[in-house]
Amino acid sequence: MAHQEHPGIISDEVRDEIRLYECARKYETIIKQSRRGGASHGRASSNQSNRNEAIMQTLTRFLHELRTKSTDSDYSTRA
């Protein structure tokens, strides 16, 4: 791997993987907080539940798009 040959240089591929990992960790934290918040306040209102669901869907879509873009750039640089 390029980053092992030159310890001071990180390849774009490694940088993308690090970014994806950080996004996934943030996503997990947000989801855990959302679930914890709903459980600690008893029954969440329907409106709050809808907002939480919308946030989770948006974040999930963002991560899928981010992963797709990373995969697409992988293929374009290898061709």
PDB file of N, CA and C in Angstrom:
ATOM      1  N   MET A   1       0.833  -1.192   0.000  1.00  0.00           N
ATOM      2  CA  MET A   1       0.000   0.000   0.000  1.00  0.00           C
ATOM      3  C   MET A   1       0.871   1.247   0.000  1.00  0.00           C
ATOM      4  N   ALA A   2       0.407   2.287  -0.638  1.00  0.00           N
ATOM      5  CA  ALA A   2       1.190   3.507  -0.781  1.00  0.00           C
ATOM      6  C   ALA A   2       1.487   4.154   0.569  1.00  0.00           C
ATOM      7  N   HIS A   3       0.512   4.136   1.484  1.00  0.00           N
ATOM      8  CA  HIS A   3       0.731   4.798   2.762  1.00  0.00           C
ATOM      9  C   HIS A   3       1.755   4.077   3.630  1.00  0.00           C
ATOM     10  N   GLN A   4       2.034   2.807   3.365  1.00  0.00           N
ATOM     11  CA  GLN A   4       3.054   2.086   4.112  1.00  0.00           C
ATOM     12  C   GLN A   4       4.436   2.346   3.531  1.00  0.00           C
ATOM     13  N   GLU A   5       4.506   2.544   2.227  1.00  0.00           N
ATOM     14  CA  GLU A   5       5.786   2.811   1.582  1.00  0.00           C
ATOM     15  C   GLU A   5       6.325   4.181   1.980  1.00  0.00           C
ATOM     16  N   HIS A   6       5.433   5.158   2.108  1.00  0.00           N
ATOM     17  CA  HIS A   6       5.794   6.522   2.475  1.00  0.00           C
ATOM     18  C   HIS A   6       4.952   6.911   3.686  1.00  0.00           C
ATOM     19  N   PRO A   7       5.461   6.676   4.906  1.00  0.00           N
ATOM     20  CA  PRO A   7       4.662   6.882   6.104  1.00  0.00           C
ATOM     21  C   PRO A   7       4.078   8.283   6.244  1.00  0.00           C
ATOM     22  N   GLY A   8       4.708   9.296   5.685  1.00  0.00           N
ATOM     23  CA  GLY A   8       4.214  10.660   5.797  1.00  0.00           C
ATOM     24  C   GLY A   8       3.118  10.999   4.806  1.00  0.00           C
ATOM     25  N   ILE A   9       2.877  10.122   3.844  1.00  0.00           N
ATOM     26  CA  ILE A   9       1.899  10.386   2.790  1.00  0.00           C
ATOM     27  C   ILE A   9       0.741   9.407   2.929  1.00  0.00           C
ATOM     28  N   ILE A  10      -0.485   9.950   2.962  1.00  0.00           N
ATOM     29  CA  ILE A  10      -1.679   9.107   3.026  1.00  0.00           C
ATOM     30  C   ILE A  10      -2.370   9.182   1.673  1.00  0.00           C
ATOM     31  N   SER A  11      -2.679   8.027   1.110  1.00  0.00           N
ATOM     32  CA  SER A  11      -3.324   7.993  -0.200  1.00  0.00           C
ATOM     33  C   SER A  11      -4.759   8.490  -0.102  1.00  0.00           C
ATOM     34  N   ASP A  12      -5.315   8.879  -1.245  1.00  0.00           N
ATOM     35  CA  ASP A  12      -6.707   9.321  -1.295  1.00  0.00           C
ATOM     36  C   ASP A  12      -7.642   8.216  -0.840  1.00  0.00           C
ATOM     37  N   GLU A  13      -7.322   6.985  -1.199  1.00  0.00           N
ATOM     38  CA  GLU A  13      -8.162   5.840  -0.818  1.00  0.00           C
ATOM     39  C   GLU A  13      -8.216   5.700   0.706  1.00  0.00           C
ATOM     40  N   VAL A  14      -7.078   5.810   1.355  1.00  0.00           N
ATOM     41  CA  VAL A  14      -7.028   5.701   2.811  1.00  0.00           C
ATOM     42  C   VAL A  14      -7.756   6.875   3.443  1.00  0.00           C
ATOM     43  N   ARG A  15      -7.567   8.064   2.899  1.00  0.00           N
ATOM     44  CA  ARG A  15      -8.239   9.254   3.408  1.00  0.00           C
ATOM     45  C   ARG A  15      -9.758   9.101   3.293  1.00  0.00           C
ATOM     46  N   ASP A  16     -10.241   8.547   2.174  1.00  0.00           N
ATOM     47  CA  ASP A  16     -11.676   8.304   1.986  1.00  0.00           C
ATOM     48  C   ASP A  16     -12.204   7.304   3.000  1.00  0.00           C
ATOM     49  N   GLU A  17     -11.444   6.246   3.240  1.00  0.00           N
ATOM     50  CA  GLU A  17     -11.873   5.237   4.218  1.00  0.00           C
ATOM     51  C   GLU A  17     -11.940   5.830   5.621  1.00  0.00           C
ATOM     52  N   ILE A  18     -10.979   6.660   5.966  1.00  0.00           N
ATOM     53  CA  ILE A  18     -10.985   7.318   7.273  1.00  0.00           C
ATOM     54  C   ILE A  18     -12.215   8.209   7.394  1.00  0.00           C
ATOM     55  N   ARG A  19     -12.505   8.971   6.346  1.00  0.00           N
ATOM     56  CA  ARG A  19     -13.664   9.866   6.348  1.00  0.00           C
ATOM     57  C   ARG A  19     -14.964   9.075   6.478  1.00  0.00           C
ATOM     58  N   LEU A  20     -15.076   7.972   5.759  1.00  0.00           N
ATOM     59  CA  LEU A  20     -16.271   7.129   5.850  1.00  0.00           C
ATOM     60  C   LEU A  20     -16.427   6.560   7.256  1.00  0.00           C
ATOM     61  N   TYR A  21     -15.338   6.127   7.842  1.00  0.00           N
ATOM     62  CA  TYR A  21     -15.383   5.573   9.186  1.00  0.00           C
ATOM     63  C   TYR A  21     -15.850   6.637  10.180  1.00  0.00           C
ATOM     64  N   GLU A  22     -15.304   7.847  10.068  1.00  0.00           N
ATOM     65  CA  GLU A  22     -15.698   8.927  10.969  1.00  0.00           C
ATOM     66  C   GLU A  22     -17.175   9.268  10.804  1.00  0.00           C
ATOM     67  N   CYS A  23     -17.664   9.283   9.576  1.00  0.00           N
ATOM     68  CA  CYS A  23     -19.084   9.551   9.326  1.00  0.00           C
ATOM     69  C   CYS A  23     -19.957   8.460   9.936  1.00  0.00           C
ATOM     70  N   ALA A  24     -19.536   7.225   9.794  1.00  0.00           N
ATOM     71  CA  ALA A  24     -20.304   6.108  10.355  1.00  0.00           C
ATOM     72  C   ALA A  24     -20.346   6.201  11.878  1.00  0.00           C
ATOM     73  N   ARG A  25     -19.245   6.561  12.500  1.00  0.00           N
ATOM     74  CA  ARG A  25     -19.209   6.710  13.964  1.00  0.00           C
ATOM     75  C   ARG A  25     -20.131   7.838  14.414  1.00  0.00           C
ATOM     76  N   LYS A  26     -20.131   8.961  13.692  1.00  0.00           N
ATOM     77  CA  LYS A  26     -21.024  10.071  14.026  1.00  0.00           C
ATOM     78  C   LYS A  26     -22.475   9.646  13.874  1.00  0.00           C
ATOM     79  N   TYR A  27     -22.762   8.903  12.822  1.00  0.00           N
ATOM     80  CA  TYR A  27     -24.107   8.394  12.567  1.00  0.00           C
ATOM     81  C   TYR A  27     -24.557   7.504  13.725  1.00  0.00           C
ATOM     82  N   GLU A  28     -23.706   6.583  14.160  1.00  0.00           N
ATOM     83  CA  GLU A  28     -24.045   5.701  15.276  1.00  0.00           C
ATOM     84  C   GLU A  28     -24.333   6.502  16.539  1.00  0.00           C
ATOM     85  N   THR A  29     -23.525   7.516  16.806  1.00  0.00           N
ATOM     86  CA  THR A  29     -23.720   8.352  17.984  1.00  0.00           C
ATOM     87  C   THR A  29     -25.062   9.063  17.923  1.00  0.00           C
ATOM     88  N   ILE A  30     -25.392   9.625  16.770  1.00  0.00           N
ATOM     89  CA  ILE A  30     -26.663  10.334  16.612  1.00  0.00           C
ATOM     90  C   ILE A  30     -27.832   9.385  16.809  1.00  0.00           C
ATOM     91  N   ILE A  31     -27.754   8.200  16.233  1.00  0.00           N
ATOM     92  CA  ILE A  31     -28.833   7.224  16.365  1.00  0.00           C
ATOM     93  C   ILE A  31     -28.998   6.812  17.822  1.00  0.00           C
ATOM     94  N   LYS A  32     -27.902   6.549  18.521  1.00  0.00           N
ATOM     95  CA  LYS A  32     -27.974   6.159  19.933  1.00  0.00           C
ATOM     96  C   LYS A  32     -28.592   7.274  20.768  1.00  0.00           C
ATOM     97  N   GLN A  33     -28.193   8.523  20.510  1.00  0.00           N
ATOM     98  CA  GLN A  33     -28.749   9.650  21.248  1.00  0.00           C
ATOM     99  C   GLN A  33     -30.236   9.794  20.970  1.00  0.00           C
ATOM    100  N   SER A  34     -30.616   9.599  19.736  1.00  0.00           N
ATOM    101  CA  SER A  34     -32.020   9.710  19.346  1.00  0.00           C
ATOM    102  C   SER A  34     -32.852   8.659  20.066  1.00  0.00           C
ATOM    103  N   ARG A  35     -32.377   7.429  20.074  1.00  0.00           N
ATOM    104  CA  ARG A  35     -33.104   6.341  20.740  1.00  0.00           C
ATOM    105  C   ARG A  35     -33.146   6.563  22.246  1.00  0.00           C
ATOM    106  N   ARG A  36     -32.034   6.996  22.817  1.00  0.00           N
ATOM    107  CA  ARG A  36     -31.962   7.241  24.252  1.00  0.00           C
ATOM    108  C   ARG A  36     -32.906   8.369  24.644  1.00  0.00           C
ATOM    109  N   GLY A  37     -32.936   9.415  23.827  1.00  0.00           N
ATOM    110  CA  GLY A  37     -33.809  10.555  24.101  1.00  0.00           C
ATOM    111  C   GLY A  37     -35.271  10.158  24.090  1.00  0.00           C
ATOM    112  N   GLY A  38     -35.662   9.318  23.151  1.00  0.00           N
ATOM    113  CA  GLY A  38     -37.044   8.858  23.071  1.00  0.00           C
ATOM    114  C   GLY A  38     -37.411   7.985  24.249  1.00  0.00           C
ATOM    115  N   ALA A  39     -36.475   7.160  24.695  1.00  0.00           N
ATOM    116  CA  ALA A  39     -36.737   6.253  25.813  1.00  0.00           C
ATOM    117  C   ALA A  39     -36.787   7.004  27.136  1.00  0.00           C
ATOM    118  N   SER A  40     -35.962   8.026  27.305  1.00  0.00           N
ATOM    119  CA  SER A  40     -35.896   8.735  28.579  1.00  0.00           C
ATOM    120  C   SER A  40     -37.079   9.670  28.791  1.00  0.00           C
ATOM    121  N   HIS A  41     -37.730  10.077  27.740  1.00  0.00           N
ATOM    122  CA  HIS A  41     -38.872  10.980  27.856  1.00  0.00           C
ATOM    123  C   HIS A  41     -40.197  10.233  27.759  1.00  0.00           C
ATOM    124  N   GLY A  42     -40.162   8.952  28.011  1.00  0.00           N
ATOM    125  CA  GLY A  42     -41.384   8.184  27.879  1.00  0.00           C
ATOM    126  C   GLY A  42     -41.733   8.072  26.416  1.00  0.00           C
ATOM    127  N   ARG A  43     -42.978   8.206  26.120  1.00  0.00           N
ATOM    128  CA  ARG A  43     -43.393   8.144  24.716  1.00  0.00           C
ATOM    129  C   ARG A  43     -43.108   9.472  24.037  1.00  0.00           C
ATOM    130  N   ALA A  44     -42.362   9.406  22.991  1.00  0.00           N
ATOM    131  CA  ALA A  44     -42.086  10.620  22.217  1.00  0.00           C
ATOM    132  C   ALA A  44     -43.341  10.991  21.452  1.00  0.00           C
ATOM    133  N   SER A  45     -43.530  12.275  21.274  1.00  0.00           N
ATOM    134  CA  SER A  45     -44.692  12.711  20.506  1.00  0.00           C
ATOM    135  C   SER A  45     -44.575  12.201  19.077  1.00  0.00           C
ATOM    136  N   SER A  46     -45.691  12.126  18.411  1.00  0.00           N
ATOM    137  CA  SER A  46     -45.696  11.661  17.021  1.00  0.00           C
ATOM    138  C   SER A  46     -44.830  12.569  16.160  1.00  0.00           C
ATOM    139  N   ASN A  47     -44.908  13.861  16.409  1.00  0.00           N
ATOM    140  CA  ASN A  47     -44.128  14.834  15.648  1.00  0.00           C
ATOM    141  C   ASN A  47     -42.630  14.610  15.858  1.00  0.00           C
ATOM    142  N   GLN A  48     -42.219  14.394  17.114  1.00  0.00           N
ATOM    143  CA  GLN A  48     -40.804  14.151  17.412  1.00  0.00           C
ATOM    144  C   GLN A  48     -40.340  12.852  16.765  1.00  0.00           C
ATOM    145  N   SER A  49     -41.169  11.823  16.823  1.00  0.00           N
ATOM    146  CA  SER A  49     -40.820  10.543  16.200  1.00  0.00           C
ATOM    147  C   SER A  49     -40.626  10.713  14.701  1.00  0.00           C
ATOM    148  N   ASN A  50     -41.504  11.485  14.069  1.00  0.00           N
ATOM    149  CA  ASN A  50     -41.388  11.737  12.632  1.00  0.00           C
ATOM    150  C   ASN A  50     -40.092  12.475  12.312  1.00  0.00           C
ATOM    151  N   ARG A  51     -39.742  13.448  13.143  1.00  0.00           N
ATOM    152  CA  ARG A  51     -38.494  14.191  12.922  1.00  0.00           C
ATOM    153  C   ARG A  51     -37.285  13.277  13.080  1.00  0.00           C
ATOM    154  N   ASN A  52     -37.308  12.438  14.118  1.00  0.00           N
ATOM    155  CA  ASN A  52     -36.195  11.504  14.330  1.00  0.00           C
ATOM    156  C   ASN A  52     -36.053  10.555  13.148  1.00  0.00           C
ATOM    157  N   GLU A  53     -37.173  10.060  12.660  1.00  0.00           N
ATOM    158  CA  GLU A  53     -37.148   9.143  11.517  1.00  0.00           C
ATOM    159  C   GLU A  53     -36.598   9.852  10.279  1.00  0.00           C
ATOM    160  N   ALA A  54     -37.004  11.095  10.069  1.00  0.00           N
ATOM    161  CA  ALA A  54     -36.516  11.861   8.917  1.00  0.00           C
ATOM    162  C   ALA A  54     -35.007  12.084   9.013  1.00  0.00           C
ATOM    163  N   ILE A  55     -34.526  12.369  10.215  1.00  0.00           N
ATOM    164  CA  ILE A  55     -33.086  12.570  10.412  1.00  0.00           C
ATOM    165  C   ILE A  55     -32.329  11.283  10.111  1.00  0.00           C
ATOM    166  N   MET A  56     -32.832  10.168  10.627  1.00  0.00           N
ATOM    167  CA  MET A  56     -32.161   8.886  10.377  1.00  0.00           C
ATOM    168  C   MET A  56     -32.147   8.548   8.889  1.00  0.00           C
ATOM    169  N   GLN A  57     -33.258   8.802   8.199  1.00  0.00           N
ATOM    170  CA  GLN A  57     -33.306   8.520   6.761  1.00  0.00           C
ATOM    171  C   GLN A  57     -32.330   9.408   5.999  1.00  0.00           C
ATOM    172  N   THR A  58     -32.267  10.678   6.379  1.00  0.00           N
ATOM    173  CA  THR A  58     -31.357  11.608   5.713  1.00  0.00           C
ATOM    174  C   THR A  58     -29.905  11.184   5.919  1.00  0.00           C
ATOM    175  N   LEU A  59     -29.553  10.852   7.145  1.00  0.00           N
ATOM    176  CA  LEU A  59     -28.182  10.422   7.425  1.00  0.00           C
ATOM    177  C   LEU A  59     -27.839   9.121   6.714  1.00  0.00           C
ATOM    178  N   THR A  60     -28.785   8.198   6.700  1.00  0.00           N
ATOM    179  CA  THR A  60     -28.557   6.929   6.012  1.00  0.00           C
ATOM    180  C   THR A  60     -28.336   7.160   4.527  1.00  0.00           C
ATOM    181  N   ARG A  61     -29.173   8.001   3.918  1.00  0.00           N
ATOM    182  CA  ARG A  61     -29.036   8.317   2.493  1.00  0.00           C
ATOM    183  C   ARG A  61     -27.686   8.992   2.229  1.00  0.00           C
ATOM    184  N   PHE A  62     -27.296   9.920   3.104  1.00  0.00           N
ATOM    185  CA  PHE A  62     -26.016  10.605   2.960  1.00  0.00           C
ATOM    186  C   PHE A  62     -24.855   9.612   2.981  1.00  0.00           C
ATOM    187  N   LEU A  63     -24.880   8.680   3.931  1.00  0.00           N
ATOM    188  CA  LEU A  63     -23.797   7.703   4.023  1.00  0.00           C
ATOM    189  C   LEU A  63     -23.757   6.786   2.811  1.00  0.00           C
ATOM    190  N   HIS A  64     -24.923   6.391   2.315  1.00  0.00           N
ATOM    191  CA  HIS A  64     -24.957   5.553   1.113  1.00  0.00           C
ATOM    192  C   HIS A  64     -24.392   6.315  -0.083  1.00  0.00           C
ATOM    193  N   GLU A  65     -24.760   7.591  -0.215  1.00  0.00           N
ATOM    194  CA  GLU A  65     -24.241   8.403  -1.323  1.00  0.00           C
ATOM    195  C   GLU A  65     -22.735   8.585  -1.190  1.00  0.00           C
ATOM    196  N   LEU A  66     -22.293   8.816   0.024  1.00  0.00           N
ATOM    197  CA  LEU A  66     -20.865   8.996   0.267  1.00  0.00           C
ATOM    198  C   LEU A  66     -20.100   7.732  -0.103  1.00  0.00           C
ATOM    199  N   ARG A  67     -20.646   6.594   0.261  1.00  0.00           N
ATOM    200  CA  ARG A  67     -20.014   5.316  -0.051  1.00  0.00           C
ATOM    201  C   ARG A  67     -19.999   5.083  -1.562  1.00  0.00           C
ATOM    202  N   THR A  68     -21.110   5.413  -2.227  1.00  0.00           N
ATOM    203  CA  THR A  68     -21.206   5.239  -3.673  1.00  0.00           C
ATOM    204  C   THR A  68     -20.193   6.128  -4.386  1.00  0.00           C
ATOM    205  N   LYS A  69     -20.085   7.382  -3.956  1.00  0.00           N
ATOM    206  CA  LYS A  69     -19.125   8.300  -4.574  1.00  0.00           C
ATOM    207  C   LYS A  69     -17.705   7.803  -4.378  1.00  0.00           C
ATOM    208  N   SER A  70     -17.413   7.280  -3.202  1.00  0.00           N
ATOM    209  CA  SER A  70     -16.079   6.750  -2.925  1.00  0.00           C
ATOM    210  C   SER A  70     -15.786   5.549  -3.816  1.00  0.00           C
ATOM    211  N   THR A  71     -16.770   4.674  -3.983  1.00  0.00           N
ATOM    212  CA  THR A  71     -16.616   3.494  -4.831  1.00  0.00           C
ATOM    213  C   THR A  71     -16.460   3.898  -6.285  1.00  0.00           C
ATOM    214  N   ASP A  72     -17.257   4.873  -6.741  1.00  0.00           N
ATOM    215  CA  ASP A  72     -17.162   5.347  -8.122  1.00  0.00           C
ATOM    216  C   ASP A  72     -15.780   5.918  -8.403  1.00  0.00           C
ATOM    217  N   SER A  73     -15.250   6.711  -7.483  1.00  0.00           N
ATOM    218  CA  SER A  73     -13.934   7.309  -7.712  1.00  0.00           C
ATOM    219  C   SER A  73     -12.854   6.240  -7.698  1.00  0.00           C
ATOM    220  N   ASP A  74     -13.055   5.179  -6.928  1.00  0.00           N
ATOM    221  CA  ASP A  74     -12.115   4.057  -6.935  1.00  0.00           C
ATOM    222  C   ASP A  74     -12.006   3.461  -8.327  1.00  0.00           C
ATOM    223  N   TYR A  75     -13.164   3.213  -8.945  1.00  0.00           N
ATOM    224  CA  TYR A  75     -13.178   2.603 -10.271  1.00  0.00           C
ATOM    225  C   TYR A  75     -12.623   3.546 -11.334  1.00  0.00           C
ATOM    226  N   SER A  76     -12.912   4.836 -11.219  1.00  0.00           N
ATOM    227  CA  SER A  76     -12.452   5.772 -12.244  1.00  0.00           C
ATOM    228  C   SER A  76     -10.936   5.953 -12.189  1.00  0.00           C
ATOM    229  N   THR A  77     -10.345   5.844 -10.999  1.00  0.00           N
ATOM    230  CA  THR A  77      -8.894   6.007 -10.906  1.00  0.00           C
ATOM    231  C   THR A  77      -8.158   4.741 -11.299  1.00  0.00           C
ATOM    232  N   ARG A  78      -8.833   3.610 -11.250  1.00  0.00           N
ATOM    233  CA  ARG A  78      -8.187   2.346 -11.615  1.00  0.00           C
ATOM    234  C   ARG A  78      -8.251   2.074 -13.107  1.00  0.00           C
ATOM    235  N   ALA A  79      -9.202   2.687 -13.785  1.00  0.00           N
ATOM    236  CA  ALA A  79      -9.396   2.405 -15.220  1.00  0.00           C
ATOM    237  C   ALA A  79      -8.319   3.025 -16.070  1.00  0.00           C
TER     238      ALA A  79
END
